[in-house]
PDB file of N, CA and C in Angstrom:
ATOM      1  N   UNK A   1       0.820  -1.188   0.000  1.00  0.00           N
ATOM      2  CA  UNK A   1       0.000   0.000   0.000  1.00  0.00           C
ATOM      3  C   UNK A   1       0.865   1.254   0.000  1.00  0.00           C
ATOM      4  N   UNK A   2       1.924   1.231   0.806  1.00  0.00           N
ATOM      5  CA  UNK A   2       2.792   2.405   0.886  1.00  0.00           C
ATOM      6  C   UNK A   2       3.479   2.675  -0.450  1.00  0.00           C
ATOM      7  N   UNK A   3       3.901   1.631  -1.121  1.00  0.00           N
ATOM      8  CA  UNK A   3       4.570   1.804  -2.422  1.00  0.00           C
ATOM      9  C   UNK A   3       3.582   2.338  -3.467  1.00  0.00           C
ATOM     10  N   UNK A   4       2.326   1.948  -3.387  1.00  0.00           N
ATOM     11  CA  UNK A   4       1.311   2.478  -4.304  1.00  0.00           C
ATOM     12  C   UNK A   4       1.107   3.965  -4.055  1.00  0.00           C
ATOM     13  N   UNK A   5       1.027   4.371  -2.786  1.00  0.00           N
ATOM     14  CA  UNK A   5       0.918   5.797  -2.464  1.00  0.00           C
ATOM     15  C   UNK A   5       2.140   6.554  -2.967  1.00  0.00           C
ATOM     16  N   UNK A   6       3.304   5.941  -2.817  1.00  0.00           N
ATOM     17  CA  UNK A   6       4.544   6.560  -3.268  1.00  0.00           C
ATOM     18  C   UNK A   6       4.560   6.738  -4.772  1.00  0.00           C
ATOM     19  N   UNK A   7       4.107   5.738  -5.491  1.00  0.00           N
ATOM     20  CA  UNK A   7       4.188   5.762  -6.952  1.00  0.00           C
ATOM     21  C   UNK A   7       3.170   6.701  -7.584  1.00  0.00           C
ATOM     22  N   UNK A   8       1.923   6.638  -7.153  1.00  0.00           N
ATOM     23  CA  UNK A   8       0.865   7.385  -7.832  1.00  0.00           C
ATOM     24  C   UNK A   8       0.558   8.743  -7.223  1.00  0.00           C
ATOM     25  N   UNK A   9       0.805   8.925  -5.937  1.00  0.00           N
ATOM     26  CA  UNK A   9       0.535  10.208  -5.296  1.00  0.00           C
ATOM     27  C   UNK A   9       1.806  11.000  -4.996  1.00  0.00           C
ATOM     28  N   UNK A  10       2.963  10.428  -5.352  1.00  0.00           N
ATOM     29  CA  UNK A  10       4.268  11.077  -5.188  1.00  0.00           C
ATOM     30  C   UNK A  10       4.530  11.496  -3.742  1.00  0.00           C
ATOM     31  N   UNK A  11       4.140  10.631  -2.817  1.00  0.00           N
ATOM     32  CA  UNK A  11       4.411  10.857  -1.399  1.00  0.00           C
ATOM     33  C   UNK A  11       5.713  10.143  -1.072  1.00  0.00           C
ATOM     34  N   UNK A  12       6.567  10.759  -0.239  1.00  0.00           N
ATOM     35  CA  UNK A  12       7.797  10.095   0.187  1.00  0.00           C
ATOM     36  C   UNK A  12       7.458   8.733   0.784  1.00  0.00           C
ATOM     37  N   UNK A  13       8.345   7.766   0.569  1.00  0.00           N
ATOM     38  CA  UNK A  13       8.070   6.400   1.010  1.00  0.00           C
ATOM     39  C   UNK A  13       7.904   6.309   2.526  1.00  0.00           C
ATOM     40  N   UNK A  14       8.698   7.040   3.268  1.00  0.00           N
ATOM     41  CA  UNK A  14       8.574   7.028   4.728  1.00  0.00           C
ATOM     42  C   UNK A  14       7.240   7.574   5.193  1.00  0.00           C
ATOM     43  N   UNK A  15       6.785   8.642   4.560  1.00  0.00           N
ATOM     44  CA  UNK A  15       5.483   9.216   4.913  1.00  0.00           C
ATOM     45  C   UNK A  15       4.349   8.280   4.510  1.00  0.00           C
ATOM     46  N   UNK A  16       4.499   7.612   3.378  1.00  0.00           N
ATOM     47  CA  UNK A  16       3.482   6.646   2.948  1.00  0.00           C
ATOM     48  C   UNK A  16       3.412   5.475   3.916  1.00  0.00           C
ATOM     49  N   UNK A  17       4.564   5.014   4.399  1.00  0.00           N
ATOM     50  CA  UNK A  17       4.581   3.941   5.394  1.00  0.00           C
ATOM     51  C   UNK A  17       3.883   4.404   6.667  1.00  0.00           C
ATOM     52  N   UNK A  18       4.107   5.663   7.055  1.00  0.00           N
ATOM     53  CA  UNK A  18       3.446   6.196   8.240  1.00  0.00           C
ATOM     54  C   UNK A  18       1.936   6.232   8.060  1.00  0.00           C
ATOM     55  N   UNK A  19       1.466   6.669   6.905  1.00  0.00           N
ATOM     56  CA  UNK A  19       0.026   6.760   6.663  1.00  0.00           C
ATOM     57  C   UNK A  19      -0.623   5.384   6.742  1.00  0.00           C
ATOM     58  N   UNK A  20      -0.025   4.409   6.070  1.00  0.00           N
ATOM     59  CA  UNK A  20      -0.569   3.057   6.089  1.00  0.00           C
ATOM     60  C   UNK A  20      -0.474   2.464   7.496  1.00  0.00           C
ATOM     61  N   UNK A  21       0.625   2.718   8.179  1.00  0.00           N
ATOM     62  CA  UNK A  21       0.790   2.224   9.549  1.00  0.00           C
ATOM     63  C   UNK A  21      -0.200   2.846  10.514  1.00  0.00           C
ATOM     64  N   UNK A  22      -0.458   4.149  10.347  1.00  0.00           N
ATOM     65  CA  UNK A  22      -1.443   4.814  11.204  1.00  0.00           C
ATOM     66  C   UNK A  22      -2.840   4.236  10.972  1.00  0.00           C
ATOM     67  N   UNK A  23      -3.151   3.913   9.725  1.00  0.00           N
ATOM     68  CA  UNK A  23      -4.456   3.304   9.437  1.00  0.00           C
ATOM     69  C   UNK A  23      -4.567   1.933  10.098  1.00  0.00           C
ATOM     70  N   UNK A  24      -3.502   1.151  10.025  1.00  0.00           N
ATOM     71  CA  UNK A  24      -3.517  -0.170  10.658  1.00  0.00           C
ATOM     72  C   UNK A  24      -3.569  -0.050  12.179  1.00  0.00           C
ATOM     73  N   UNK A  25      -2.804   0.898  12.722  1.00  0.00           N
ATOM     74  CA  UNK A  25      -2.806   1.092  14.177  1.00  0.00           C
ATOM     75  C   UNK A  25      -4.150   1.645  14.644  1.00  0.00           C
ATOM     76  N   UNK A  26      -4.791   2.440  13.799  1.00  0.00           N
ATOM     77  CA  UNK A  26      -6.107   2.978  14.154  1.00  0.00           C
ATOM     78  C   UNK A  26      -7.147   1.892  14.308  1.00  0.00           C
ATOM     79  N   UNK A  27      -7.046   0.855  13.513  1.00  0.00           N
ATOM     80  CA  UNK A  27      -7.994  -0.246  13.652  1.00  0.00           C
ATOM     81  C   UNK A  27      -7.667  -1.138  14.846  1.00  0.00           C
ATOM     82  N   UNK A  28      -6.435  -1.079  15.324  1.00  0.00           N
ATOM     83  CA  UNK A  28      -6.059  -1.904  16.475  1.00  0.00           C
ATOM     84  C   UNK A  28      -6.714  -1.430  17.762  1.00  0.00           C
ATOM     85  N   UNK A  29      -7.160  -0.192  17.791  1.00  0.00           N
ATOM     86  CA  UNK A  29      -7.806   0.318  19.003  1.00  0.00           C
ATOM     87  C   UNK A  29      -9.135  -0.403  19.240  1.00  0.00           C
ATOM     88  N   UNK A  30      -9.702  -0.984  18.197  1.00  0.00           N
ATOM     89  CA  UNK A  30     -10.953  -1.727  18.355  1.00  0.00           C
ATOM     90  C   UNK A  30     -10.735  -3.072  19.046  1.00  0.00           C
ATOM     91  N   UNK A  31      -9.516  -3.602  18.940  1.00  0.00           N
ATOM     92  CA  UNK A  31      -9.236  -4.930  19.483  1.00  0.00           C
ATOM     93  C   UNK A  31      -8.425  -4.855  20.776  1.00  0.00           C
ATOM     94  N   UNK A  32      -7.410  -3.977  20.799  1.00  0.00           N
ATOM     95  CA  UNK A  32      -6.510  -3.901  21.942  1.00  0.00           C
ATOM     96  C   UNK A  32      -6.819  -2.672  22.785  1.00  0.00           C
ATOM     97  N   UNK A  33      -6.059  -2.492  23.855  1.00  0.00           N
ATOM     98  CA  UNK A  33      -6.268  -1.349  24.743  1.00  0.00           C
ATOM     99  C   UNK A  33      -5.567  -0.101  24.210  1.00  0.00           C
ATOM    100  N   UNK A  34      -5.758   1.016  24.879  1.00  0.00           N
ATOM    101  CA  UNK A  34      -5.196   2.289  24.419  1.00  0.00           C
ATOM    102  C   UNK A  34      -3.683   2.337  24.530  1.00  0.00           C
ATOM    103  N   UNK A  35      -3.103   1.615  25.489  1.00  0.00           N
ATOM    104  CA  UNK A  35      -1.645   1.588  25.629  1.00  0.00           C
ATOM    105  C   UNK A  35      -1.009   0.963  24.398  1.00  0.00           C
ATOM    106  N   UNK A  36      -1.563  -0.141  23.929  1.00  0.00           N
ATOM    107  CA  UNK A  36      -1.053  -0.795  22.721  1.00  0.00           C
ATOM    108  C   UNK A  36      -1.225   0.112  21.510  1.00  0.00           C
ATOM    109  N   UNK A  37      -2.360   0.787  21.440  1.00  0.00           N
ATOM    110  CA  UNK A  37      -2.619   1.730  20.349  1.00  0.00           C
ATOM    111  C   UNK A  37      -1.581   2.853  20.343  1.00  0.00           C
ATOM    112  N   UNK A  38      -1.309   3.431  21.503  1.00  0.00           N
ATOM    113  CA  UNK A  38      -0.346   4.528  21.594  1.00  0.00           C
ATOM    114  C   UNK A  38       1.061   4.070  21.217  1.00  0.00           C
ATOM    115  N   UNK A  39       1.449   2.891  21.677  1.00  0.00           N
ATOM    116  CA  UNK A  39       2.779   2.378  21.351  1.00  0.00           C
ATOM    117  C   UNK A  39       2.910   2.074  19.860  1.00  0.00           C
ATOM    118  N   UNK A  40       1.854   1.566  19.249  1.00  0.00           N
ATOM    119  CA  UNK A  40       1.916   1.285  17.819  1.00  0.00           C
ATOM    120  C   UNK A  40       1.984   2.576  17.009  1.00  0.00           C
ATOM    121  N   UNK A  41       1.329   3.628  17.469  1.00  0.00           N
ATOM    122  CA  UNK A  41       1.412   4.925  16.780  1.00  0.00           C
ATOM    123  C   UNK A  41       2.824   5.505  16.871  1.00  0.00           C
ATOM    124  N   UNK A  42       3.434   5.421  18.039  1.00  0.00           N
ATOM    125  CA  UNK A  42       4.794   5.929  18.211  1.00  0.00           C
ATOM    126  C   UNK A  42       5.771   5.113  17.366  1.00  0.00           C
ATOM    127  N   UNK A  43       5.623   3.802  17.383  1.00  0.00           N
ATOM    128  CA  UNK A  43       6.497   2.939  16.594  1.00  0.00           C
ATOM    129  C   UNK A  43       6.352   3.193  15.100  1.00  0.00           C
ATOM    130  N   UNK A  44       5.134   3.401  14.639  1.00  0.00           N
ATOM    131  CA  UNK A  44       4.886   3.691  13.219  1.00  0.00           C
ATOM    132  C   UNK A  44       5.507   5.019  12.825  1.00  0.00           C
ATOM    133  N   UNK A  45       5.368   6.020  13.690  1.00  0.00           N
ATOM    134  CA  UNK A  45       5.954   7.332  13.412  1.00  0.00           C
ATOM    135  C   UNK A  45       7.475   7.240  13.313  1.00  0.00           C
ATOM    136  N   UNK A  46       8.098   6.584  14.273  1.00  0.00           N
ATOM    137  CA  UNK A  46       9.551   6.449  14.257  1.00  0.00           C
ATOM    138  C   UNK A  46      10.032   5.652  13.051  1.00  0.00           C
ATOM    139  N   UNK A  47       9.293   4.610  12.687  1.00  0.00           N
ATOM    140  CA  UNK A  47       9.634   3.805  11.521  1.00  0.00           C
ATOM    141  C   UNK A  47       9.631   4.669  10.248  1.00  0.00           C
ATOM    142  N   UNK A  48       8.635   5.511  10.097  1.00  0.00           N
ATOM    143  CA  UNK A  48       8.556   6.381   8.920  1.00  0.00           C
ATOM    144  C   UNK A  48       9.687   7.399   8.875  1.00  0.00           C
ATOM    145  N   UNK A  49      10.010   7.992  10.006  1.00  0.00           N
ATOM    146  CA  UNK A  49      11.086   8.988  10.068  1.00  0.00           C
ATOM    147  C   UNK A  49      12.429   8.326   9.751  1.00  0.00           C
ATOM    148  N   UNK A  50      12.694   7.177  10.342  1.00  0.00           N
ATOM    149  CA  UNK A  50      13.958   6.480  10.105  1.00  0.00           C
ATOM    150  C   UNK A  50      14.064   6.053   8.651  1.00  0.00           C
ATOM    151  N   UNK A  51      12.982   5.569   8.072  1.00  0.00           N
ATOM    152  CA  UNK A  51      12.993   5.148   6.668  1.00  0.00           C
ATOM    153  C   UNK A  51      13.279   6.319   5.741  1.00  0.00           C
ATOM    154  N   UNK A  52      12.655   7.471   5.993  1.00  0.00           N
ATOM    155  CA  UNK A  52      12.924   8.654   5.172  1.00  0.00           C
ATOM    156  C   UNK A  52      14.388   9.070   5.251  1.00  0.00           C
ATOM    157  N   UNK A  53      14.942   9.095   6.453  1.00  0.00           N
ATOM    158  CA  UNK A  53      16.343   9.492   6.613  1.00  0.00           C
ATOM    159  C   UNK A  53      17.287   8.483   5.967  1.00  0.00           C
ATOM    160  N   UNK A  54      16.963   7.202   6.042  1.00  0.00           N
ATOM    161  CA  UNK A  54      17.782   6.159   5.431  1.00  0.00           C
ATOM    162  C   UNK A  54      17.774   6.292   3.910  1.00  0.00           C
ATOM    163  N   UNK A  55      16.608   6.498   3.330  1.00  0.00           N
ATOM    164  CA  UNK A  55      16.503   6.626   1.875  1.00  0.00           C
ATOM    165  C   UNK A  55      17.164   7.913   1.394  1.00  0.00           C
ATOM    166  N   UNK A  56      17.003   9.000   2.130  1.00  0.00           N
ATOM    167  CA  UNK A  56      17.640  10.262   1.732  1.00  0.00           C
ATOM    168  C   UNK A  56      19.155  10.170   1.791  1.00  0.00           C
ATOM    169  N   UNK A  57      19.688   9.281   2.604  1.00  0.00           N
ATOM    170  CA  UNK A  57      21.130   9.094   2.680  1.00  0.00           C
ATOM    171  C   UNK A  57      21.707   8.533   1.391  1.00  0.00           C
ATOM    172  N   UNK A  58      20.901   7.794   0.627  1.00  0.00           N
ATOM    173  CA  UNK A  58      21.367   7.256  -0.651  1.00  0.00           C
ATOM    174  C   UNK A  58      21.472   8.324  -1.719  1.00  0.00           C
ATOM    175  N   UNK A  59      20.734   9.421  -1.568  1.00  0.00           N
ATOM    176  CA  UNK A  59      20.731  10.473  -2.581  1.00  0.00           C
ATOM    177  C   UNK A  59      21.831  11.507  -2.359  1.00  0.00           C
ATOM    178  N   UNK A  60      22.553  11.402  -1.272  1.00  0.00           N
ATOM    179  CA  UNK A  60      23.639  12.333  -0.995  1.00  0.00           C
ATOM    180  C   UNK A  60      24.896  11.905  -1.742  1.00  0.00           C
ATOM    181  N   UNK A  61      25.605  12.866  -2.229  1.00  0.00           N
ATOM    182  CA  UNK A  61      26.881  12.572  -2.883  1.00  0.00           C
ATOM    183  C   UNK A  61      27.999  12.948  -1.928  1.00  0.00           C
ATOM    184  N   UNK A  62      29.034  12.162  -1.972  1.00  0.00           N
ATOM    185  CA  UNK A  62      30.180  12.408  -1.109  1.00  0.00           C
ATOM    186  C   UNK A  62      31.400  12.672  -1.965  1.00  0.00           C
ATOM    187  N   UNK A  63      32.210  13.602  -1.525  1.00  0.00           N
ATOM    188  CA  UNK A  63      33.402  13.951  -2.266  1.00  0.00           C
ATOM    189  C   UNK A  63      34.584  13.910  -1.303  1.00  0.00           C
ATOM    190  N   UNK A  64      35.659  13.292  -1.749  1.00  0.00           N
ATOM    191  CA  UNK A  64      36.873  13.204  -0.948  1.00  0.00           C
ATOM    192  C   UNK A  64      37.959  13.962  -1.691  1.00  0.00           C
ATOM    193  N   UNK A  65      38.612  14.852  -1.000  1.00  0.00           N
ATOM    194  CA  UNK A  65      39.690  15.633  -1.588  1.00  0.00           C
ATOM    195  C   UNK A  65      40.936  15.451  -0.718  1.00  0.00           C
ATOM    196  N   UNK A  66      42.012  14.983  -1.333  1.00  0.00           N
ATOM    197  CA  UNK A  66      43.260  14.766  -0.606  1.00  0.00           C
ATOM    198  C   UNK A  66      44.219  15.890  -0.977  1.00  0.00           C
ATOM    199  N   UNK A  67      44.658  16.617   0.020  1.00  0.00           N
ATOM    200  CA  UNK A  67      45.604  17.712  -0.184  1.00  0.00           C
ATOM    201  C   UNK A  67      46.952  17.274   0.346  1.00  0.00           C
ATOM    202  N   UNK A  68      47.959  17.354  -0.523  1.00  0.00           N
ATOM    203  CA  UNK A  68      49.268  16.879  -0.156  1.00  0.00           C
ATOM    204  C   UNK A  68      50.337  17.755  -0.825  1.00  0.00           C
ATOM    205  N   UNK A  69      51.517  17.805  -0.237  1.00  0.00           N
ATOM    206  CA  UNK A  69      52.636  18.531  -0.847  1.00  0.00           C
ATOM    207  C   UNK A  69      53.347  17.675  -1.874  1.00  0.00           C
ATOM    208  N   UNK A  70      53.114  16.389  -1.827  1.00  0.00           N
ATOM    209  CA  UNK A  70      53.764  15.469  -2.735  1.00  0.00           C
ATOM    210  C   UNK A  70      53.161  15.558  -4.153  1.00  0.00           C
ATOM    211  N   UNK A  71      54.006  15.688  -5.140  1.00  0.00           N
ATOM    212  CA  UNK A  71      53.545  15.772  -6.523  1.00  0.00           C
ATOM    213  C   UNK A  71      53.769  14.422  -7.185  1.00  0.00           C
ATOM    214  N   UNK A  72      52.754  13.925  -7.819  1.00  0.00           N
ATOM    215  CA  UNK A  72      52.847  12.610  -8.452  1.00  0.00           C
ATOM    216  C   UNK A  72      53.168  12.765  -9.915  1.00  0.00           C
TER     217      UNK A  72
END
């Protein structure tokens, strides 16, 4: 579901995972207690934030510059 939101609505994958996770956690309140619901919401939020930061790390370019007095 998250990948479909990402592909067709152009939502970041981490945010799409959060939306789908919040929907799933929202239905858990019907079965479990509020403590479980709150913990699942926090876990879903953290999962989405970590996923976004992990994916954005792949888009960064790194450059290494070596400065030396030695001429090759």
